[in-house]
Every structure is written in C-alpha cells, then in structure tokens.
Protein backbone atom coordinates (compact mmCIF):
# COMPACT_ATOMS: atom_id res chain seq x y z
CA MET A 1 -20.30 -21.25 -1.85
CA ALA A 2 -16.62 -19.34 -1.83
CA ALA A 3 -15.91 -17.57 1.69
CA LYS A 4 -16.02 -13.37 1.75
CA LYS A 5 -12.97 -11.69 1.42
CA THR A 6 -12.36 -9.07 3.87
CA SER A 7 -10.22 -6.33 3.99
CA THR A 8 -8.13 -7.99 7.54
CA LYS A 9 -7.78 -11.24 5.05
CA LEU A 10 -6.61 -9.11 1.71
CA LEU A 11 -4.17 -7.29 4.57
CA ASN A 12 -2.78 -10.00 5.56
CA THR A 13 -2.27 -11.83 2.51
CA LEU A 14 0.39 -9.29 1.61
CA LEU A 15 1.97 -9.05 4.97
CA ASP A 16 2.10 -12.75 4.22
CA LEU A 17 4.57 -12.53 1.33
CA GLU A 18 8.46 -12.93 2.81
CA GLY A 19 10.17 -9.58 3.07
CA VAL A 20 6.60 -7.17 3.91
CA ASP A 21 6.68 -5.33 7.64
CA ALA A 22 3.50 -3.75 7.55
CA VAL A 23 0.72 -3.32 5.38
CA THR A 24 -2.28 -0.22 5.50
CA VAL A 25 -4.74 1.28 4.12
CA VAL A 26 -4.21 5.10 4.39
CA GLY A 27 -7.18 7.39 3.49
CA ARG A 28 -6.86 10.26 0.99
CA ASP A 29 -6.68 13.12 4.81
CA GLY A 30 -3.54 10.73 6.05
CA PHE A 31 -5.52 8.76 8.74
CA VAL A 32 -5.34 4.48 8.98
CA ILE A 33 -8.77 3.39 8.15
CA GLU A 34 -6.54 -0.43 8.40
CA ASN A 35 -3.16 -2.27 9.14
CA ALA A 36 -1.18 -5.55 9.19
CA SER A 37 2.08 -5.23 10.71
CA ASN A 38 5.05 -7.36 12.41
CA THR A 39 7.02 -4.51 13.50
CA ASP A 40 6.92 -1.19 16.10
CA LEU A 41 6.22 1.58 13.32
CA ASP A 42 3.77 4.26 14.27
CA LEU A 43 0.88 3.52 11.68
CA ASP A 44 -0.64 6.74 12.42
CA ALA A 45 2.88 8.79 11.61
CA VAL A 46 3.67 6.46 8.77
CA GLY A 47 -0.24 6.85 7.29
CA ALA A 48 0.44 10.69 6.99
CA ILE A 49 3.44 10.62 5.01
CA VAL A 50 1.87 8.35 2.47
CA SER A 51 -0.78 10.22 2.47
CA THR A 52 1.63 13.39 0.89
CA GLY A 53 3.99 10.93 -0.71
CA PHE A 54 1.27 9.61 -2.73
CA GLY A 55 -0.30 12.92 -3.84
CA ALA A 56 2.74 14.35 -4.78
CA SER A 57 3.44 12.12 -6.75
CA GLU A 58 0.14 11.64 -8.19
CA VAL A 59 0.75 16.24 -8.99
CA MET A 60 3.73 14.67 -10.96
CA ALA A 61 1.85 12.80 -13.23
CA GLU A 62 -0.62 14.83 -13.30
CA GLU A 63 1.60 17.70 -14.62
CA MET A 64 3.24 15.84 -17.21
CA ASN A 65 0.41 14.50 -18.94
CA ILE A 66 1.18 10.26 -18.32
CA GLY A 67 -2.32 9.49 -16.74
CA LYS A 68 -3.94 8.79 -13.72
CA ILE A 69 -1.22 7.16 -10.65
CA THR A 70 -1.59 3.31 -9.84
CA GLN A 71 1.40 2.10 -8.01
CA THR A 72 4.54 4.05 -6.83
CA MET A 73 7.19 2.84 -4.93
CA VAL A 74 10.40 4.95 -2.01
CA GLU A 75 13.33 2.42 -2.24
CA CYS A 76 15.64 3.27 0.95
CA ASP A 77 18.82 1.00 1.78
CA LEU A 78 17.28 -0.60 4.04
CA GLY A 79 13.76 -1.33 2.10
CA LYS A 80 10.74 -0.09 0.30
CA ILE A 81 7.87 1.71 0.72
CA ILE A 82 5.08 0.40 -2.19
CA MET A 83 2.12 2.63 -2.62
CA ALA A 84 -0.75 1.56 -4.75
CA ASP A 85 -4.60 3.48 -5.40
CA CYS A 86 -7.47 2.17 -4.25
CA ASP A 87 -9.68 5.10 -5.12
CA GLU A 88 -10.44 7.14 -2.70
CA ALA A 89 -7.53 6.07 -0.20
CA ILE A 90 -3.89 4.11 -0.36
CA LEU A 91 -2.39 1.03 -0.15
CA ALA A 92 0.71 0.76 1.27
CA VAL A 93 3.30 -2.12 1.90
CA ILE A 94 6.57 -1.67 4.05
CA THR A 95 9.76 -3.68 3.27
CA ASP A 96 12.73 -4.57 4.61
CA SER A 97 15.81 -4.83 2.00
CA ALA A 98 15.35 -8.37 1.12
CA ALA A 99 11.50 -8.23 -0.30
CA VAL A 100 11.44 -8.95 -3.58
CA ILE A 101 9.17 -6.48 -5.06
CA GLY A 102 8.15 -8.41 -7.82
CA LYS A 103 5.89 -10.89 -5.89
CA ILE A 104 4.37 -7.76 -3.81
CA ARG A 105 3.63 -6.05 -6.79
CA HIS A 106 1.86 -9.07 -8.45
CA ASN A 107 0.10 -9.54 -5.38
CA ILE A 108 -0.94 -5.71 -5.50
CA LEU A 109 -2.78 -6.00 -8.25
CA LYS A 110 -4.15 -9.03 -7.71
CA LEU A 111 -5.29 -8.03 -4.55
CA ILE A 112 -6.33 -4.34 -5.35
CA ASP A 113 -10.17 -4.94 -6.68
CA ASP A 114 -11.25 -7.18 -4.55
CA LEU A 115 -9.66 -4.46 -1.42
CA LYS A 116 -11.24 -1.73 -3.31
CA LYS A 117 -15.11 -3.21 -2.73
CA THR A 118 -13.90 -3.87 1.24
CA ILE A 119 -12.49 -0.23 2.77
C-alpha cells in the first residue's frame, strides 16, 4: 500500500528543492492554512499579500478573456514568488534568485492535484 500523501509532506517536497525558501498554502481570505519554511519570513503577512496579488492576476485573466489562471509569478532581483491555484486556496512558493524556476514549476504541477485533496 502506498504511503498517504499529506499536505505537510507535499509542501516539504517543494521546500527541499534547491533555491526554495518557503512554501505556504493561503486561503482566499489571506489566512495561512499551512506552511513550510527555511526562513524567518512573516508568513501571516505573506498570506495577505499572496491572496491580494493572486486575486489581481485572476481579475486580469478574466478581463482579458484568457481563461482561468493556474499559475502566476512575481520576479524580483532577489527572488521569485510562484503562486498556483489550489481551488479554495493558493499555493505560494518563495525562492531565492538562484532557484531553477522550470524545475519548481514542474514539481508544482506534479503535486497540485494531490495538494488540493489534502487541504
């Protein structure tokens, strides 16, 4: 029998990727549901910001008639924030500047369906 996948295990799978500093699942209301982190980020503040930013991206996609948003990314000089739709929540992965984004996005796509079932 296969080991049950929990949200903690799934988040830690992403956190273990090179360059990932924090992973959090945020409700649409901005409250953190679960997280895994290697930093001292204020994840409650991150939750509020992620909810607002992802919501703005959803409005842009809707207004442009390009479908439902699945992922969005904010790229900064010191790191990136990758956000993915997780039904009633949002997955946010915070990275440093050296992170390999393709690998992280690939792993998000592999894990997102299982994550949706666990939160």
